[in-house]
Protein backbone atom coordinates (compact mmCIF):
# COMPACT_ATOMS: atom_id res chain seq x y z
CA UNK A 1 6.41 -29.87 -9.38
CA UNK A 2 9.59 -29.01 -11.26
CA UNK A 3 12.68 -28.03 -9.29
CA UNK A 4 14.39 -26.23 -12.16
CA UNK A 5 15.47 -22.65 -11.58
CA UNK A 6 12.91 -19.93 -12.17
CA UNK A 7 14.47 -17.19 -14.31
CA UNK A 8 13.04 -13.71 -13.73
CA UNK A 9 13.77 -11.03 -16.32
CA UNK A 10 12.40 -8.14 -14.29
CA UNK A 11 10.84 -7.56 -10.89
CA UNK A 12 9.73 -4.62 -8.83
CA UNK A 13 6.67 -3.01 -7.31
CA UNK A 14 4.08 -0.40 -8.11
CA UNK A 15 1.48 1.52 -6.13
CA UNK A 16 -1.80 2.30 -7.87
CA UNK A 17 -4.83 4.41 -7.08
CA UNK A 18 -5.35 6.60 -4.06
CA UNK A 19 -6.02 10.28 -3.62
CA UNK A 20 -4.56 13.17 -1.69
CA UNK A 21 -6.75 14.61 1.04
CA UNK A 22 -6.43 17.21 3.75
CA UNK A 23 -6.29 15.82 7.29
CA UNK A 24 -5.22 17.57 10.44
CA UNK A 25 -3.88 20.49 8.46
CA UNK A 26 -1.65 18.25 6.34
CA UNK A 27 -1.94 16.46 3.02
CA UNK A 28 -1.99 12.67 3.13
CA UNK A 29 -2.36 9.97 0.47
CA UNK A 30 -5.01 7.32 1.03
CA UNK A 31 -6.64 4.52 -0.97
CA UNK A 32 -3.61 3.15 -2.82
CA UNK A 33 -2.86 -0.54 -3.28
CA UNK A 34 0.55 -2.20 -3.50
CA UNK A 35 1.49 -4.69 -6.22
CA UNK A 36 4.74 -6.62 -6.47
CA UNK A 37 5.50 -7.85 -9.96
CA UNK A 38 7.73 -10.43 -11.59
CA UNK A 39 8.16 -10.98 -15.31
CA UNK A 40 9.64 -14.33 -16.37
CA UNK A 41 12.41 -14.50 -18.93
CA UNK A 42 10.26 -16.92 -20.94
CA UNK A 43 7.11 -14.79 -21.08
CA UNK A 44 4.58 -16.57 -23.26
CA UNK A 45 1.43 -14.54 -22.58
CA UNK A 46 1.16 -10.81 -23.28
CA UNK A 47 -1.26 -10.30 -20.40
CA UNK A 48 -0.02 -10.30 -16.79
CA UNK A 49 -2.05 -11.96 -14.04
CA UNK A 50 -3.15 -9.70 -11.18
CA UNK A 51 -3.56 -11.85 -8.06
CA UNK A 52 -5.82 -10.37 -5.37
CA UNK A 53 -6.02 -11.99 -1.93
CA UNK A 54 -9.08 -12.38 0.28
CA UNK A 55 -10.16 -11.28 3.74
CA UNK A 56 -7.60 -11.20 6.59
CA UNK A 57 -4.94 -12.11 4.03
CA UNK A 58 -2.20 -10.35 2.09
CA UNK A 59 -0.23 -11.03 -1.07
CA UNK A 60 1.74 -13.74 0.75
CA UNK A 61 -1.18 -16.06 -0.09
CA UNK A 62 0.25 -16.34 -3.58
CA UNK A 63 4.02 -16.20 -3.05
CA UNK A 64 4.44 -19.36 -0.97
CA UNK A 65 2.78 -21.74 1.46
CA UNK A 66 3.08 -22.03 5.26
CA UNK A 67 5.03 -25.28 4.85
CA UNK A 68 7.55 -23.73 2.46
CA UNK A 69 6.41 -24.77 -1.02
CA UNK A 70 6.00 -22.60 -4.10
CA UNK A 71 2.79 -20.60 -4.43
CA UNK A 72 0.51 -19.83 -7.33
CA UNK A 73 2.67 -16.85 -8.33
CA UNK A 74 5.61 -19.16 -9.08
CA UNK A 75 3.38 -21.70 -10.80
CA UNK A 76 2.07 -19.02 -13.18
CA UNK A 77 5.56 -17.64 -13.76
CA UNK A 78 6.78 -21.09 -14.75
CA UNK A 79 4.01 -21.26 -17.36
CA UNK A 80 5.10 -17.96 -18.90
CA UNK A 81 2.78 -15.46 -17.20
CA UNK A 82 3.96 -12.23 -15.61
CA UNK A 83 2.33 -11.77 -12.20
CA UNK A 84 1.32 -8.78 -10.10
CA UNK A 85 0.63 -9.82 -6.49
CA UNK A 86 -1.53 -7.29 -4.69
CA UNK A 87 -1.77 -6.09 -1.11
CA UNK A 88 -5.27 -4.62 -0.85
CA UNK A 89 -5.89 -1.04 0.17
CA UNK A 90 -5.28 -0.66 3.90
CA UNK A 91 -3.43 -3.97 4.22
CA UNK A 92 0.14 -5.20 4.11
CA UNK A 93 2.31 -2.66 2.34
CA UNK A 94 -0.67 -0.53 1.29
CA UNK A 95 -1.06 2.06 4.04
CA UNK A 96 -4.02 1.86 6.40
CA UNK A 97 -5.49 5.25 7.29
CA UNK A 98 -7.75 4.82 10.34
CA UNK A 99 -8.89 8.43 10.20
CA UNK A 100 -10.30 7.82 6.69
CA UNK A 101 -10.94 4.09 6.40
CA UNK A 102 -12.46 3.50 9.80
CA UNK A 103 -12.14 0.61 12.25
CA UNK A 104 -10.45 -2.69 11.50
CA UNK A 105 -11.24 -6.27 12.47
CA UNK A 106 -8.43 -8.48 13.75
CA UNK A 107 -8.17 -12.14 12.71
CA UNK A 108 -8.87 -14.72 15.41
CA UNK A 109 -7.77 -18.32 15.83
CA UNK A 110 -11.29 -19.74 16.15
CA UNK A 111 -12.38 -18.16 12.88
CA UNK A 112 -9.31 -19.46 11.05
CA UNK A 113 -9.92 -22.96 12.39
CA UNK A 114 -13.63 -22.97 11.53
CA UNK A 115 -13.27 -21.72 7.96
CA UNK A 116 -9.77 -22.69 6.84
CA UNK A 117 -7.65 -25.26 8.65
CA UNK A 118 -9.70 -27.45 11.02
CA UNK A 119 -12.95 -27.74 9.13
CA UNK A 120 -13.03 -31.55 9.13
CA UNK A 121 -13.05 -31.58 12.93
CA UNK A 122 -15.48 -28.67 13.26
CA UNK A 123 -18.09 -30.39 11.02
CA UNK A 124 -20.15 -27.24 10.50
CA UNK A 125 -21.22 -28.19 6.96
CA UNK A 126 -21.48 -31.68 5.41
CA UNK A 127 -18.75 -31.20 2.77
CA UNK A 128 -16.19 -30.40 5.50
CA UNK A 129 -15.79 -34.13 6.20
CA UNK A 130 -13.89 -34.42 2.90
CA UNK A 131 -11.11 -32.00 3.88
CA UNK A 132 -7.71 -33.73 3.55
CA UNK A 133 -5.35 -31.21 1.96
CA UNK A 134 -4.32 -28.82 4.78
CA UNK A 135 -0.51 -29.16 4.87
CA UNK A 136 0.05 -29.18 8.63
CA UNK A 137 -1.49 -29.03 12.07
CA UNK A 138 -4.49 -27.02 13.14
CA UNK A 139 -3.52 -25.72 16.59
CA UNK A 140 -1.18 -23.01 17.88
CA UNK A 141 2.28 -24.47 18.38
CA UNK A 142 2.22 -26.44 15.15
CA UNK A 143 4.82 -24.81 12.86
CA UNK A 144 2.58 -24.77 9.79
CA UNK A 145 -0.39 -23.37 11.69
CA UNK A 146 1.83 -20.74 13.30
CA UNK A 147 3.23 -19.65 9.94
CA UNK A 148 -0.27 -19.39 8.51
CA UNK A 149 -1.74 -17.48 11.42
CA UNK A 150 1.25 -15.14 11.53
CA UNK A 151 0.36 -14.16 7.96
CA UNK A 152 -3.16 -13.04 8.92
CA UNK A 153 -3.67 -9.27 9.02
CA UNK A 154 -6.43 -6.87 10.14
CA UNK A 155 -9.18 -5.98 7.70
CA UNK A 156 -11.24 -2.80 7.27
CA UNK A 157 -14.60 -3.59 8.87
CA UNK A 158 -16.83 -1.82 6.33
CA UNK A 159 -17.09 -4.31 3.46
CA UNK A 160 -18.83 -1.82 1.17
CA UNK A 161 -15.94 0.59 1.65
CA UNK A 162 -13.49 -2.24 0.88
CA UNK A 163 -15.26 -2.79 -2.43
CA UNK A 164 -15.19 0.90 -3.37
CA UNK A 165 -11.53 1.36 -2.40
CA UNK A 166 -10.22 -1.78 -4.06
CA UNK A 167 -12.38 -1.45 -7.16
CA UNK A 168 -10.95 1.99 -7.79
CA UNK A 169 -7.37 0.98 -7.00
CA UNK A 170 -7.51 -2.14 -9.20
CA UNK A 171 -8.94 -0.12 -12.09
CA UNK A 172 -6.03 2.32 -11.62
CA UNK A 173 -3.57 -0.59 -11.66
CA UNK A 174 -5.00 -1.97 -14.91
CA UNK A 175 -4.98 1.49 -16.46
CA UNK A 176 -1.30 1.73 -15.49
CA UNK A 177 -0.04 -1.69 -16.62
CA UNK A 178 -2.43 -2.43 -19.49
CA UNK A 179 -4.69 -5.35 -20.40
CA UNK A 180 -4.52 -8.05 -17.75
CA UNK A 181 -5.98 -11.26 -16.35
CA UNK A 182 -7.66 -10.77 -12.99
CA UNK A 183 -7.52 -13.57 -10.39
CA UNK A 184 -9.43 -13.07 -7.14
CA UNK A 185 -10.08 -15.23 -4.11
CA UNK A 186 -12.90 -15.14 -1.58
CA UNK A 187 -13.61 -11.59 -0.28
CA UNK A 188 -11.86 -10.01 -3.28
CA UNK A 189 -14.31 -11.70 -5.61
CA UNK A 190 -16.62 -8.79 -4.83
CA UNK A 191 -14.01 -6.48 -6.38
CA UNK A 192 -13.51 -8.60 -9.48
CA UNK A 193 -17.01 -8.11 -10.88
CA UNK A 194 -17.07 -4.28 -10.83
CA UNK A 195 -13.47 -4.03 -12.09
CA UNK A 196 -14.25 -6.29 -15.05
CA UNK A 197 -17.51 -4.41 -15.58
CA UNK A 198 -15.68 -1.06 -15.67
CA UNK A 199 -12.84 -2.28 -17.95
CA UNK A 200 -14.41 -5.04 -20.08
CA UNK A 201 -11.89 -4.58 -22.90
CA UNK A 202 -8.86 -4.56 -20.59
CA UNK A 203 -9.76 -7.52 -18.36
CA UNK A 204 -8.89 -10.34 -20.75
CA UNK A 205 -10.04 -13.10 -18.40
CA UNK A 206 -11.52 -13.23 -14.91
CA UNK A 207 -10.77 -16.11 -12.55
CA UNK A 208 -12.94 -16.14 -9.44
CA UNK A 209 -11.64 -18.70 -6.93
CA UNK A 210 -14.48 -19.19 -4.44
CA UNK A 211 -15.70 -15.60 -4.79
CA UNK A 212 -17.58 -13.64 -2.14
CA UNK A 213 -21.20 -14.67 -2.30
CA UNK A 214 -23.77 -16.03 -2.81
CA UNK A 215 -25.94 -13.48 -4.66
CA UNK A 216 -27.86 -10.89 -2.64
CA UNK A 217 -28.07 -12.52 0.82
CA UNK A 218 -25.47 -14.17 3.01
CA UNK A 219 -26.05 -17.71 4.17
CA UNK A 220 -24.91 -19.07 7.48
CA UNK A 221 -21.74 -21.07 7.95
CA UNK A 222 -23.51 -23.87 9.78
CA UNK A 223 -25.75 -26.54 8.24
CA UNK A 224 -29.04 -26.67 10.15
CA UNK A 225 -31.04 -29.01 7.90
CA UNK A 226 -34.71 -28.65 7.12
CA UNK A 227 -36.08 -26.57 4.26
CA UNK A 228 -33.39 -23.91 4.48
CA UNK A 229 -30.37 -26.14 5.00
CA UNK A 230 -28.30 -23.15 6.08
CA UNK A 231 -29.50 -20.22 8.16
CA UNK A 232 -30.45 -17.33 5.85
CA UNK A 233 -28.54 -14.11 6.43
CA UNK A 234 -28.77 -10.39 5.80
CA UNK A 235 -28.87 -8.78 2.38
CA UNK A 236 -25.21 -8.00 1.74
CA UNK A 237 -24.96 -7.68 -2.06
CA UNK A 238 -27.77 -5.41 -3.36
CA UNK A 239 -26.34 -5.59 -6.90
CA UNK A 240 -26.40 -9.37 -6.73
CA UNK A 241 -22.68 -10.01 -6.91
CA UNK A 242 -21.49 -7.05 -4.84
CA UNK A 243 -22.67 -3.90 -3.09
CA UNK A 244 -21.29 -1.43 -5.65
CA UNK A 245 -23.07 -0.66 -8.94
CA UNK A 246 -22.75 -2.86 -12.02
CA UNK A 247 -23.89 -2.17 -15.58
CA UNK A 248 -27.23 -3.89 -16.13
CA UNK A 249 -29.45 -3.94 -19.20
CA UNK A 250 -32.10 -2.59 -18.82
CA UNK A 251 -30.30 -0.03 -16.66
CA UNK A 252 -31.00 0.38 -12.96
CA UNK A 253 -32.01 3.67 -11.40
CA UNK A 254 -30.93 2.20 -8.06
CA UNK A 255 -30.19 -1.18 -6.53
CA UNK A 256 -33.85 -1.38 -5.49
CA UNK A 257 -34.73 -2.05 -9.14
CA UNK A 258 -32.92 -5.38 -8.91
CA UNK A 259 -35.45 -7.64 -7.24
CA UNK A 260 -34.19 -10.74 -5.44
CA UNK A 261 -36.43 -13.81 -5.29
CA UNK A 262 -35.63 -16.75 -3.07
CA UNK A 263 -35.54 -20.23 -4.55
CA UNK A 264 -38.54 -22.41 -3.68
CA UNK A 265 -36.10 -25.12 -2.65
CA UNK A 266 -32.37 -25.73 -2.73
CA UNK A 267 -30.81 -27.33 -5.81
CA UNK A 268 -29.61 -30.28 -3.74
CA UNK A 269 -29.76 -31.77 -0.23
CA UNK A 270 -26.45 -30.22 0.91
CA UNK A 271 -26.71 -26.95 -1.03
CA UNK A 272 -27.83 -23.53 0.12
CA UNK A 273 -31.27 -22.25 -0.83
CA UNK A 274 -30.45 -18.86 -2.29
CA UNK A 275 -31.71 -15.72 -4.00
CA UNK A 276 -31.67 -14.98 -7.73
CA UNK A 277 -33.01 -12.21 -9.95
CA UNK A 278 -36.71 -11.90 -10.51
CA UNK A 279 -37.62 -12.84 -14.08
CA UNK A 280 -37.18 -11.43 -16.63
CA UNK A 281 -33.62 -11.07 -15.44
CA UNK A 282 -31.58 -8.02 -16.37
CA UNK A 283 -28.40 -8.74 -18.32
CA UNK A 284 -24.77 -7.94 -17.52
CA UNK A 285 -23.49 -6.94 -20.98
CA UNK A 286 -19.96 -6.01 -19.92
CA UNK A 287 -19.33 -9.31 -18.16
CA UNK A 288 -20.28 -11.11 -21.36
CA UNK A 289 -17.12 -9.74 -23.00
CA UNK A 290 -14.44 -11.82 -21.27
CA UNK A 291 -14.03 -15.48 -20.34
CA UNK A 292 -14.90 -16.10 -16.68
CA UNK A 293 -14.00 -19.07 -14.51
CA UNK A 294 -15.62 -19.80 -11.14
CA UNK A 295 -13.58 -22.40 -9.24
CA UNK A 296 -14.86 -24.23 -6.17
CA UNK A 297 -13.21 -26.71 -3.80
CA UNK A 298 -14.77 -29.97 -2.65
CA UNK A 299 -14.73 -29.48 1.14
CA UNK A 300 -14.98 -25.69 1.45
CA UNK A 301 -17.97 -23.80 2.83
CA UNK A 302 -18.21 -22.39 -0.70
CA UNK A 303 -19.08 -25.87 -1.97
CA UNK A 304 -22.69 -25.32 -0.92
CA UNK A 305 -23.23 -21.86 -2.41
CA UNK A 306 -20.93 -21.00 -5.35
CA UNK A 307 -23.37 -22.63 -7.78
CA UNK A 308 -25.76 -19.77 -6.96
CA UNK A 309 -23.22 -17.21 -8.18
CA UNK A 310 -22.93 -19.18 -11.41
CA UNK A 311 -26.73 -19.32 -11.81
CA UNK A 312 -26.96 -15.56 -11.23
CA UNK A 313 -24.41 -14.97 -14.00
CA UNK A 314 -26.14 -17.34 -16.38
CA UNK A 315 -29.53 -15.71 -15.85
CA UNK A 316 -27.82 -12.38 -16.62
CA UNK A 317 -26.61 -13.68 -19.99
CA UNK A 318 -23.03 -14.42 -18.92
CA UNK A 319 -21.55 -17.82 -19.80
CA UNK A 320 -19.01 -18.63 -17.10
CA UNK A 321 -17.08 -21.86 -16.83
CA UNK A 322 -17.86 -23.51 -13.49
CA UNK A 323 -15.33 -26.04 -12.25
CA UNK A 324 -15.91 -28.02 -9.10
CA UNK A 325 -12.41 -29.33 -8.43
CA UNK A 326 -13.60 -32.81 -7.50
CA UNK A 327 -15.14 -33.11 -10.98
CA UNK A 328 -11.65 -32.84 -12.52
CA UNK A 329 -10.02 -35.20 -10.03
CA UNK A 330 -8.71 -32.62 -7.54
CA UNK A 331 -10.16 -33.61 -4.18
CA UNK A 332 -10.06 -32.79 -0.48
CA UNK A 333 -9.59 -29.02 -0.61
CA UNK A 334 -10.88 -26.37 1.76
CA UNK A 335 -11.20 -22.65 1.18
CA UNK A 336 -7.48 -21.78 1.32
CA UNK A 337 -6.83 -23.78 -1.81
CA UNK A 338 -3.72 -21.81 -2.86
CA UNK A 339 -1.94 -22.93 0.33
CA UNK A 340 -2.94 -26.58 0.48
CA UNK A 341 -0.87 -29.67 -0.32
CA UNK A 342 -2.11 -29.96 -3.90
CA UNK A 343 -1.99 -26.23 -4.75
CA UNK A 344 0.01 -27.04 -7.88
CA UNK A 345 -2.76 -29.30 -9.19
CA UNK A 346 -5.25 -26.47 -8.66
CA UNK A 347 -3.09 -23.89 -10.43
CA UNK A 348 -2.78 -26.32 -13.35
CA UNK A 349 -6.59 -26.42 -13.63
CA UNK A 350 -6.67 -22.62 -13.89
CA UNK A 351 -3.70 -22.43 -16.25
CA UNK A 352 -5.08 -25.08 -18.58
CA UNK A 353 -8.40 -23.22 -18.67
CA UNK A 354 -6.58 -19.97 -19.44
CA UNK A 355 -4.63 -21.55 -22.29
CA UNK A 356 -7.94 -22.48 -23.94
CA UNK A 357 -9.89 -19.38 -22.95
CA UNK A 358 -7.34 -16.95 -24.36
CA UNK A 359 -7.51 -18.58 -27.77
CA UNK A 360 -3.85 -19.07 -28.53
CA UNK A 361 -2.53 -15.99 -26.73
CA UNK A 362 -0.11 -18.30 -24.89
CA UNK A 363 2.56 -20.53 -26.39
């Protein structure tokens, strides 16, 4: 990674979305997101990158790492992209309104260890054994772990409400700043699809880093073997990719029109057996209009299910690029890939894809 100075021509922040409501005899504003932006002096792409964090996180995911290295925001700035780093509605610097947005869930150490930092030791899924890229220790008292866990923030419990609130706020942000590239991670992947669907001409590219999934039903975190491989879960995404409406062709009268059919068997011995659309599959015409990248890490719990999201898109007529990082020589990563030791290698994979996908829109 270069150590040359990063020259910023302009920086600031913007709030987007939200609405005024009456509460307790007073007017309040609720539903807005916060975005901090930086524009490099050497801006080579006309479209800024909107970076949206995942569950229990905030925009700090992109502005640095818990061991003090540069984050994806700086990597993109160095390649000539302006960046807008978001704090989701109700998180970080975007006000949480308990009287409107309901209860919140607090992050816990065990969950962070199981999914993010100590997965090799936990051994809940077979791919976890390959995890080598976490940049520090995995227990309280380790300075890297402590920095990471200090960054974790409460999350609105109602995931459907999260999708509605952040979809609307992200659309408002794009309407305010103009055509953009949308980069999501994990939980926020469920926002990326409806935002791109609502603004297919303004979302110039969509990067989904281990997006919320798989289609329709959750799958369990733990590998149990047998025919299922992973314990099947509840139906969480009635529109396949999310729980808010998308534009299908033929149109849906309700989510019930979209019939989910479970695979007869998993696509591989360590992969989840998932649900896809009943044939003939309805198409997603708006998501056909922009280049889409789905990026998956080698050791993450997404390694066993992200292929199902890609298959859902393909059956719906979308032609995403699917990159398993190990296939391009980037190995050992867990789910928090933007924080891990080789985060610069991963950002280069995304940036090189963007350079090609945007067809010369970057220098």
